[in-house]
Amino acid sequence: MSKINELIKELCPNGVEYKAVGEICETITDYVAAGSFKDLANNVKYLQEPDYAMLIRTTDIKSKFKGDKFIYIDESAF
């Protein structure tokens, strides 16, 4: 049994409604060539409070979004 199925069985004994990611949020992925991110980062203003969008980092995923040190960006950076 996969980890997600184990969690559903444990935390949602009555089951869950499955939805595609695109049905509940908008996702944009941008792959940047190594070494060029620094130039792009100079044009991005990182915020500590919600503004337009949350920047999801590998750090956030690894911590399972626990904690309060998330980073947000404004609409122009998005």
C-alpha atoms as a PDB file:
ATOM      1  CA  MET A   1       0.000   0.000   0.000  1.00  0.00           C
ATOM      2  CA  SER A   2       1.331   3.458  -0.863  1.00  0.00           C
ATOM      3  CA  LYS A   3       2.013   6.047   1.825  1.00  0.00           C
ATOM      4  CA  ILE A   4      -0.825   8.257   0.572  1.00  0.00           C
ATOM      5  CA  ASN A   5      -3.289   5.372   0.822  1.00  0.00           C
ATOM      6  CA  GLU A   6      -2.071   4.606   4.339  1.00  0.00           C
ATOM      7  CA  LEU A   7      -2.593   8.242   5.367  1.00  0.00           C
ATOM      8  CA  ILE A   8      -6.081   8.330   3.838  1.00  0.00           C
ATOM      9  CA  LYS A   9      -7.027   5.125   5.638  1.00  0.00           C
ATOM     10  CA  GLU A  10      -5.697   6.486   8.942  1.00  0.00           C
ATOM     11  CA  LEU A  11      -6.858  10.114   8.736  1.00  0.00           C
ATOM     12  CA  CYS A  12      -9.967   9.848   6.559  1.00  0.00           C
ATOM     13  CA  PRO A  13     -11.704   6.577   7.396  1.00  0.00           C
ATOM     14  CA  ASN A  14     -14.776   7.614   5.375  1.00  0.00           C
ATOM     15  CA  GLY A  15     -12.657   8.227   2.283  1.00  0.00           C
ATOM     16  CA  VAL A  16     -11.784  11.346   0.352  1.00  0.00           C
ATOM     17  CA  GLU A  17     -12.922  13.042  -2.815  1.00  0.00           C
ATOM     18  CA  TYR A  18     -10.151  12.914  -5.397  1.00  0.00           C
ATOM     19  CA  LYS A  19      -9.538  15.973  -7.557  1.00  0.00           C
ATOM     20  CA  ALA A  20      -6.876  16.849 -10.071  1.00  0.00           C
ATOM     21  CA  VAL A  21      -4.361  19.411  -8.841  1.00  0.00           C
ATOM     22  CA  GLY A  22      -5.552  21.786 -11.569  1.00  0.00           C
ATOM     23  CA  GLU A  23      -9.065  21.722 -10.078  1.00  0.00           C
ATOM     24  CA  ILE A  24      -7.968  23.142  -6.712  1.00  0.00           C
ATOM     25  CA  CYS A  25      -5.074  25.468  -7.573  1.00  0.00           C
ATOM     26  CA  GLU A  26      -3.058  26.912 -10.397  1.00  0.00           C
ATOM     27  CA  THR A  27       0.505  25.669 -10.720  1.00  0.00           C
ATOM     28  CA  ILE A  28       3.317  27.112 -12.752  1.00  0.00           C
ATOM     29  CA  THR A  29       6.675  25.419 -13.045  1.00  0.00           C
ATOM     30  CA  ASP A  30       9.703  27.189 -14.401  1.00  0.00           C
ATOM     31  CA  TYR A  31      12.979  25.421 -14.980  1.00  0.00           C
ATOM     32  CA  VAL A  32      15.995  27.702 -15.067  1.00  0.00           C
ATOM     33  CA  ALA A  33      19.410  26.715 -16.369  1.00  0.00           C
ATOM     34  CA  ALA A  34      22.029  26.316 -13.640  1.00  0.00           C
ATOM     35  CA  GLY A  35      23.802  29.550 -12.840  1.00  0.00           C
ATOM     36  CA  SER A  36      21.194  31.862 -14.336  1.00  0.00           C
ATOM     37  CA  PHE A  37      18.804  31.969 -11.366  1.00  0.00           C
ATOM     38  CA  LYS A  38      20.861  34.639  -9.603  1.00  0.00           C
ATOM     39  CA  ASP A  39      20.088  37.159 -12.344  1.00  0.00           C
ATOM     40  CA  LEU A  40      16.376  36.338 -12.189  1.00  0.00           C
ATOM     41  CA  ALA A  41      16.342  36.479  -8.385  1.00  0.00           C
ATOM     42  CA  ASN A  42      17.526  40.086  -8.475  1.00  0.00           C
ATOM     43  CA  ASN A  43      14.172  41.020 -10.029  1.00  0.00           C
ATOM     44  CA  VAL A  44      12.035  39.162  -7.490  1.00  0.00           C
ATOM     45  CA  LYS A  45      10.901  40.671  -4.209  1.00  0.00           C
ATOM     46  CA  TYR A  46      10.457  37.966  -1.584  1.00  0.00           C
ATOM     47  CA  LEU A  47       7.835  38.665   1.081  1.00  0.00           C
ATOM     48  CA  GLN A  48       7.290  37.229   4.537  1.00  0.00           C
ATOM     49  CA  GLU A  49       3.504  37.674   4.459  1.00  0.00           C
ATOM     50  CA  PRO A  50       0.962  36.447   1.913  1.00  0.00           C
ATOM     51  CA  ASP A  51       0.567  38.805  -1.029  1.00  0.00           C
ATOM     52  CA  TYR A  52      -0.091  37.122  -4.358  1.00  0.00           C
ATOM     53  CA  ALA A  53       1.427  33.628  -4.374  1.00  0.00           C
ATOM     54  CA  MET A  54       3.452  31.308  -2.178  1.00  0.00           C
ATOM     55  CA  LEU A  55       6.828  30.279  -3.503  1.00  0.00           C
ATOM     56  CA  ILE A  56       7.075  26.551  -2.817  1.00  0.00           C
ATOM     57  CA  ARG A  57      10.633  25.437  -2.208  1.00  0.00           C
ATOM     58  CA  THR A  58      12.061  21.968  -1.779  1.00  0.00           C
ATOM     59  CA  THR A  59      12.595  22.947   1.867  1.00  0.00           C
ATOM     60  CA  ASP A  60       8.832  23.408   2.291  1.00  0.00           C
ATOM     61  CA  ILE A  61       8.059  20.065   0.677  1.00  0.00           C
ATOM     62  CA  LYS A  62      10.640  18.201   2.782  1.00  0.00           C
ATOM     63  CA  SER A  63       9.210  19.722   5.982  1.00  0.00           C
ATOM     64  CA  LYS A  64       5.665  18.811   4.826  1.00  0.00           C
ATOM     65  CA  PHE A  65       4.789  22.511   5.083  1.00  0.00           C
ATOM     66  CA  LYS A  66       5.295  22.553   8.839  1.00  0.00           C
ATOM     67  CA  GLY A  67       6.538  25.771  10.364  1.00  0.00           C
ATOM     68  CA  ASP A  68       5.945  29.405   9.611  1.00  0.00           C
ATOM     69  CA  LYS A  69       8.918  30.491   7.509  1.00  0.00           C
ATOM     70  CA  PHE A  70       7.229  30.438   4.132  1.00  0.00           C
ATOM     71  CA  ILE A  71       8.155  32.828   1.342  1.00  0.00           C
ATOM     72  CA  TYR A  72       5.673  34.704  -0.794  1.00  0.00           C
ATOM     73  CA  ILE A  73       6.003  36.751  -3.964  1.00  0.00           C
ATOM     74  CA  ASP A  74       4.035  39.645  -5.407  1.00  0.00           C
ATOM     75  CA  GLU A  75       2.095  39.568  -8.662  1.00  0.00           C
ATOM     76  CA  SER A  76       4.901  41.039 -10.764  1.00  0.00           C
ATOM     77  CA  ALA A  77       7.306  38.290  -9.654  1.00  0.00           C
ATOM     78  CA  PHE A  78       4.706  35.632 -10.351  1.00  0.00           C
END
